[in-house]
């Protein structure tokens, strides 16, 4: 039994020619990888540290992450990613960033004119809030509070322990304490 193609007899058009990347694109692709084929970071570690260190002052001054990125020659997305992933050295900047973005999305929820805009704002708020809970639980995580009502009383009966205490003191030291003084 011979193999028959499913599309046997169907007229096919000419095959599209694959557009070859230019020499410049090939060079850029080669430079972006190391000799093992792994992608190299686009920005240096020093550049990332400078942006994260400068972020707190600029966020407090009212700049957005896009403005901070433009100032440092990187994208706003890179600044947001670095702030979210930063260690404890940028905890205050991360907290301020999370607060700002959640307030912005809460405002979008309030100002939504149609159901689609409302749904997008809610989803955005939910996503950023969950991220804030995981990355900064001290400020955005769930809190537990215990409230005590009334005055708790604690009664301790030590009368059965006095003879044992008296015996221990007599055997361990030369000083004797009378149980009536206790």
C-alpha atoms as a PDB file:
ATOM      1  CA  UNK A   1       0.000   0.000   0.000  1.00  0.00           C
ATOM      2  CA  UNK A   2       1.430   3.333  -1.091  1.00  0.00           C
ATOM      3  CA  UNK A   3       1.365   6.435   1.038  1.00  0.00           C
ATOM      4  CA  UNK A   4      -1.156   9.030  -0.157  1.00  0.00           C
ATOM      5  CA  UNK A   5      -0.914  12.646   0.972  1.00  0.00           C
ATOM      6  CA  UNK A   6      -3.985  14.134   2.612  1.00  0.00           C
ATOM      7  CA  UNK A   7      -3.792  17.213   0.428  1.00  0.00           C
ATOM      8  CA  UNK A   8      -3.326  15.206  -2.763  1.00  0.00           C
ATOM      9  CA  UNK A   9      -4.810  17.135  -5.647  1.00  0.00           C
ATOM     10  CA  UNK A  10      -5.208  20.432  -3.741  1.00  0.00           C
ATOM     11  CA  UNK A  11      -3.560  23.284  -5.532  1.00  0.00           C
ATOM     12  CA  UNK A  12      -0.888  24.955  -3.429  1.00  0.00           C
ATOM     13  CA  UNK A  13       0.498  28.391  -3.955  1.00  0.00           C
ATOM     14  CA  UNK A  14       4.159  29.244  -4.213  1.00  0.00           C
ATOM     15  CA  UNK A  15       6.212  28.708  -1.078  1.00  0.00           C
ATOM     16  CA  UNK A  16       7.183  31.838   0.783  1.00  0.00           C
ATOM     17  CA  UNK A  17      10.842  32.598   0.788  1.00  0.00           C
ATOM     18  CA  UNK A  18      12.304  32.821   4.259  1.00  0.00           C
ATOM     19  CA  UNK A  19      13.767  36.241   4.845  1.00  0.00           C
ATOM     20  CA  UNK A  20      17.329  35.904   6.022  1.00  0.00           C
ATOM     21  CA  UNK A  21      18.405  38.167   8.851  1.00  0.00           C
ATOM     22  CA  UNK A  22      20.849  40.862   7.966  1.00  0.00           C
ATOM     23  CA  UNK A  23      24.494  40.649   8.906  1.00  0.00           C
ATOM     24  CA  UNK A  24      24.017  43.231  11.698  1.00  0.00           C
ATOM     25  CA  UNK A  25      21.207  41.201  13.291  1.00  0.00           C
ATOM     26  CA  UNK A  26      23.363  38.096  13.201  1.00  0.00           C
ATOM     27  CA  UNK A  27      26.243  39.929  14.885  1.00  0.00           C
ATOM     28  CA  UNK A  28      23.942  41.241  17.592  1.00  0.00           C
ATOM     29  CA  UNK A  29      22.595  37.759  18.235  1.00  0.00           C
ATOM     30  CA  UNK A  30      26.123  36.376  18.492  1.00  0.00           C
ATOM     31  CA  UNK A  31      27.236  39.080  20.912  1.00  0.00           C
ATOM     32  CA  UNK A  32      24.221  38.484  23.164  1.00  0.00           C
ATOM     33  CA  UNK A  33      25.366  34.918  23.936  1.00  0.00           C
ATOM     34  CA  UNK A  34      28.437  33.418  25.471  1.00  0.00           C
ATOM     35  CA  UNK A  35      30.353  30.517  23.979  1.00  0.00           C
ATOM     36  CA  UNK A  36      27.961  28.011  25.619  1.00  0.00           C
ATOM     37  CA  UNK A  37      24.961  29.645  23.952  1.00  0.00           C
ATOM     38  CA  UNK A  38      23.549  31.293  27.082  1.00  0.00           C
ATOM     39  CA  UNK A  39      22.179  34.791  26.782  1.00  0.00           C
ATOM     40  CA  UNK A  40      24.263  37.479  28.418  1.00  0.00           C
ATOM     41  CA  UNK A  41      22.656  40.285  30.434  1.00  0.00           C
ATOM     42  CA  UNK A  42      22.030  43.441  28.468  1.00  0.00           C
ATOM     43  CA  UNK A  43      22.835  45.724  31.397  1.00  0.00           C
ATOM     44  CA  UNK A  44      25.835  45.493  33.677  1.00  0.00           C
ATOM     45  CA  UNK A  45      25.571  44.695  37.364  1.00  0.00           C
ATOM     46  CA  UNK A  46      26.964  48.124  38.232  1.00  0.00           C
ATOM     47  CA  UNK A  47      24.319  49.841  36.096  1.00  0.00           C
ATOM     48  CA  UNK A  48      21.558  47.846  37.804  1.00  0.00           C
ATOM     49  CA  UNK A  49      22.915  48.673  41.268  1.00  0.00           C
ATOM     50  CA  UNK A  50      23.130  52.378  40.413  1.00  0.00           C
ATOM     51  CA  UNK A  51      19.508  52.453  39.219  1.00  0.00           C
ATOM     52  CA  UNK A  52      18.231  50.585  42.275  1.00  0.00           C
ATOM     53  CA  UNK A  53      20.247  52.795  44.654  1.00  0.00           C
ATOM     54  CA  UNK A  54      18.935  55.950  42.983  1.00  0.00           C
ATOM     55  CA  UNK A  55      15.342  54.691  42.773  1.00  0.00           C
ATOM     56  CA  UNK A  56      14.240  55.593  46.308  1.00  0.00           C
ATOM     57  CA  UNK A  57      15.135  59.267  45.989  1.00  0.00           C
ATOM     58  CA  UNK A  58      13.579  59.525  42.535  1.00  0.00           C
ATOM     59  CA  UNK A  59      10.390  57.702  43.564  1.00  0.00           C
ATOM     60  CA  UNK A  60      10.072  59.986  46.586  1.00  0.00           C
ATOM     61  CA  UNK A  61      10.490  62.953  44.229  1.00  0.00           C
ATOM     62  CA  UNK A  62       7.448  61.714  42.281  1.00  0.00           C
ATOM     63  CA  UNK A  63       9.086  60.185  39.222  1.00  0.00           C
ATOM     64  CA  UNK A  64       7.663  57.030  37.678  1.00  0.00           C
ATOM     65  CA  UNK A  65       9.702  53.946  36.886  1.00  0.00           C
ATOM     66  CA  UNK A  66       9.562  54.911  33.206  1.00  0.00           C
ATOM     67  CA  UNK A  67      11.063  58.321  34.080  1.00  0.00           C
ATOM     68  CA  UNK A  68      13.774  56.675  36.184  1.00  0.00           C
ATOM     69  CA  UNK A  69      14.570  54.289  33.331  1.00  0.00           C
ATOM     70  CA  UNK A  70      14.836  57.146  30.817  1.00  0.00           C
ATOM     71  CA  UNK A  71      17.164  59.013  33.169  1.00  0.00           C
ATOM     72  CA  UNK A  72      19.483  56.011  33.411  1.00  0.00           C
ATOM     73  CA  UNK A  73      19.169  54.846  29.806  1.00  0.00           C
ATOM     74  CA  UNK A  74      17.150  51.680  30.501  1.00  0.00           C
ATOM     75  CA  UNK A  75      13.501  50.744  30.084  1.00  0.00           C
ATOM     76  CA  UNK A  76      10.880  51.305  32.760  1.00  0.00           C
ATOM     77  CA  UNK A  77      10.185  47.580  32.672  1.00  0.00           C
ATOM     78  CA  UNK A  78      13.809  46.893  33.629  1.00  0.00           C
ATOM     79  CA  UNK A  79      13.544  49.302  36.576  1.00  0.00           C
ATOM     80  CA  UNK A  80      10.326  47.621  37.771  1.00  0.00           C
ATOM     81  CA  UNK A  81      11.902  44.173  37.465  1.00  0.00           C
ATOM     82  CA  UNK A  82      15.019  45.245  39.358  1.00  0.00           C
ATOM     83  CA  UNK A  83      12.969  46.816  42.157  1.00  0.00           C
ATOM     84  CA  UNK A  84      10.819  43.715  42.564  1.00  0.00           C
ATOM     85  CA  UNK A  85      13.831  41.378  42.537  1.00  0.00           C
ATOM     86  CA  UNK A  86      16.114  43.587  44.643  1.00  0.00           C
ATOM     87  CA  UNK A  87      17.435  42.345  47.954  1.00  0.00           C
ATOM     88  CA  UNK A  88      17.156  44.143  51.271  1.00  0.00           C
ATOM     89  CA  UNK A  89      19.311  47.043  50.020  1.00  0.00           C
ATOM     90  CA  UNK A  90      16.285  48.412  48.137  1.00  0.00           C
ATOM     91  CA  UNK A  91      13.501  47.434  50.551  1.00  0.00           C
ATOM     92  CA  UNK A  92      12.271  51.013  51.027  1.00  0.00           C
ATOM     93  CA  UNK A  93      12.235  51.702  47.289  1.00  0.00           C
ATOM     94  CA  UNK A  94      10.393  48.439  46.651  1.00  0.00           C
ATOM     95  CA  UNK A  95       7.780  49.289  49.320  1.00  0.00           C
ATOM     96  CA  UNK A  96       7.231  52.737  47.847  1.00  0.00           C
ATOM     97  CA  UNK A  97       6.996  51.291  44.326  1.00  0.00           C
ATOM     98  CA  UNK A  98       4.437  48.664  45.359  1.00  0.00           C
ATOM     99  CA  UNK A  99       2.399  51.297  47.213  1.00  0.00           C
ATOM    100  CA  UNK A 100       2.384  53.651  44.237  1.00  0.00           C
ATOM    101  CA  UNK A 101       1.381  51.049  41.683  1.00  0.00           C
ATOM    102  CA  UNK A 102      -1.423  49.712  43.880  1.00  0.00           C
ATOM    103  CA  UNK A 103      -2.794  53.210  44.489  1.00  0.00           C
ATOM    104  CA  UNK A 104      -2.616  53.919  40.755  1.00  0.00           C
ATOM    105  CA  UNK A 105      -4.546  50.736  39.939  1.00  0.00           C
ATOM    106  CA  UNK A 106      -7.085  51.430  42.714  1.00  0.00           C
ATOM    107  CA  UNK A 107      -7.679  54.842  41.089  1.00  0.00           C
ATOM    108  CA  UNK A 108      -8.152  53.126  37.724  1.00  0.00           C
ATOM    109  CA  UNK A 109     -10.775  50.874  39.330  1.00  0.00           C
ATOM    110  CA  UNK A 110     -12.627  53.934  40.629  1.00  0.00           C
ATOM    111  CA  UNK A 111     -12.429  55.777  37.310  1.00  0.00           C
ATOM    112  CA  UNK A 112     -13.263  52.832  35.024  1.00  0.00           C
ATOM    113  CA  UNK A 113     -15.881  53.830  32.423  1.00  0.00           C
ATOM    114  CA  UNK A 114     -16.659  50.408  30.972  1.00  0.00           C
ATOM    115  CA  UNK A 115     -16.591  46.780  32.170  1.00  0.00           C
ATOM    116  CA  UNK A 116     -13.411  45.941  30.261  1.00  0.00           C
ATOM    117  CA  UNK A 117     -11.440  48.793  31.832  1.00  0.00           C
ATOM    118  CA  UNK A 118     -12.783  47.802  35.251  1.00  0.00           C
ATOM    119  CA  UNK A 119     -11.804  44.149  34.762  1.00  0.00           C
ATOM    120  CA  UNK A 120      -8.311  45.085  33.569  1.00  0.00           C
ATOM    121  CA  UNK A 121      -7.776  47.396  36.553  1.00  0.00           C
ATOM    122  CA  UNK A 122      -8.988  44.739  38.995  1.00  0.00           C
ATOM    123  CA  UNK A 123      -6.749  42.079  37.470  1.00  0.00           C
ATOM    124  CA  UNK A 124      -3.778  44.442  37.502  1.00  0.00           C
ATOM    125  CA  UNK A 125      -4.389  45.374  41.124  1.00  0.00           C
ATOM    126  CA  UNK A 126      -4.777  41.724  42.121  1.00  0.00           C
ATOM    127  CA  UNK A 127      -1.563  40.709  40.341  1.00  0.00           C
ATOM    128  CA  UNK A 128       0.535  43.513  41.836  1.00  0.00           C
ATOM    129  CA  UNK A 129      -0.961  43.001  45.295  1.00  0.00           C
ATOM    130  CA  UNK A 130      -0.114  39.279  45.242  1.00  0.00           C
ATOM    131  CA  UNK A 131       3.404  40.089  44.105  1.00  0.00           C
ATOM    132  CA  UNK A 132       3.740  42.653  46.898  1.00  0.00           C
ATOM    133  CA  UNK A 133       2.534  40.104  49.463  1.00  0.00           C
ATOM    134  CA  UNK A 134       5.191  37.625  48.372  1.00  0.00           C
ATOM    135  CA  UNK A 135       8.109  40.040  47.876  1.00  0.00           C
ATOM    136  CA  UNK A 136       7.393  42.373  50.816  1.00  0.00           C
ATOM    137  CA  UNK A 137       5.303  40.441  53.367  1.00  0.00           C
ATOM    138  CA  UNK A 138       6.294  42.742  56.223  1.00  0.00           C
ATOM    139  CA  UNK A 139       4.367  45.626  54.642  1.00  0.00           C
ATOM    140  CA  UNK A 140       1.823  43.930  52.373  1.00  0.00           C
ATOM    141  CA  UNK A 141       1.328  40.455  53.836  1.00  0.00           C
ATOM    142  CA  UNK A 142      -1.607  39.371  55.957  1.00  0.00           C
ATOM    143  CA  UNK A 143      -1.343  40.449  59.573  1.00  0.00           C
ATOM    144  CA  UNK A 144      -2.515  38.574  62.645  1.00  0.00           C
ATOM    145  CA  UNK A 145      -3.570  40.436  65.717  1.00  0.00           C
ATOM    146  CA  UNK A 146      -4.522  38.944  69.079  1.00  0.00           C
ATOM    147  CA  UNK A 147      -6.733  40.967  71.404  1.00  0.00           C
ATOM    148  CA  UNK A 148      -6.968  40.035  75.090  1.00  0.00           C
ATOM    149  CA  UNK A 149     -10.188  40.977  76.828  1.00  0.00           C
ATOM    150  CA  UNK A 150     -10.278  41.208  80.614  1.00  0.00           C
ATOM    151  CA  UNK A 151      -7.552  40.811  83.182  1.00  0.00           C
ATOM    152  CA  UNK A 152      -6.066  37.339  83.154  1.00  0.00           C
ATOM    153  CA  UNK A 153      -5.194  36.011  86.591  1.00  0.00           C
ATOM    154  CA  UNK A 154      -2.427  33.596  87.317  1.00  0.00           C
ATOM    155  CA  UNK A 155      -2.556  31.519  90.495  1.00  0.00           C
ATOM    156  CA  UNK A 156       0.554  29.584  91.384  1.00  0.00           C
ATOM    157  CA  UNK A 157       0.483  27.137  94.271  1.00  0.00           C
ATOM    158  CA  UNK A 158       4.003  26.462  95.460  1.00  0.00           C
ATOM    159  CA  UNK A 159       3.238  24.976  98.871  1.00  0.00           C
ATOM    160  CA  UNK A 160       4.077  21.465  97.693  1.00  0.00           C
ATOM    161  CA  UNK A 161       7.436  22.611  96.323  1.00  0.00           C
ATOM    162  CA  UNK A 162       8.678  24.277  99.540  1.00  0.00           C
ATOM    163  CA  UNK A 163       9.893  21.050 101.262  1.00  0.00           C
ATOM    164  CA  UNK A 164      11.801  19.997  98.142  1.00  0.00           C
ATOM    165  CA  UNK A 165      13.301  23.466  97.817  1.00  0.00           C
ATOM    166  CA  UNK A 166      14.303  23.433 101.480  1.00  0.00           C
ATOM    167  CA  UNK A 167      15.980  20.035 101.101  1.00  0.00           C
ATOM    168  CA  UNK A 168      17.861  21.123  97.938  1.00  0.00           C
ATOM    169  CA  UNK A 169      19.166  24.256  99.588  1.00  0.00           C
ATOM    170  CA  UNK A 170      20.283  22.363 102.693  1.00  0.00           C
ATOM    171  CA  UNK A 171      22.252  19.822 100.705  1.00  0.00           C
ATOM    172  CA  UNK A 172      23.799  22.191  98.147  1.00  0.00           C
ATOM    173  CA  UNK A 173      24.990  25.018 100.363  1.00  0.00           C
ATOM    174  CA  UNK A 174      25.744  25.865 103.923  1.00  0.00           C
ATOM    175  CA  UNK A 175      23.087  28.541 104.045  1.00  0.00           C
ATOM    176  CA  UNK A 176      19.626  27.483 105.224  1.00  0.00           C
ATOM    177  CA  UNK A 177      16.468  29.331 104.364  1.00  0.00           C
ATOM    178  CA  UNK A 178      13.530  28.914 106.648  1.00  0.00           C
ATOM    179  CA  UNK A 179      10.320  28.001 104.780  1.00  0.00           C
ATOM    180  CA  UNK A 180       8.345  30.502 106.827  1.00  0.00           C
ATOM    181  CA  UNK A 181      10.362  33.345 105.270  1.00  0.00           C
ATOM    182  CA  UNK A 182       9.338  32.375 101.741  1.00  0.00           C
END
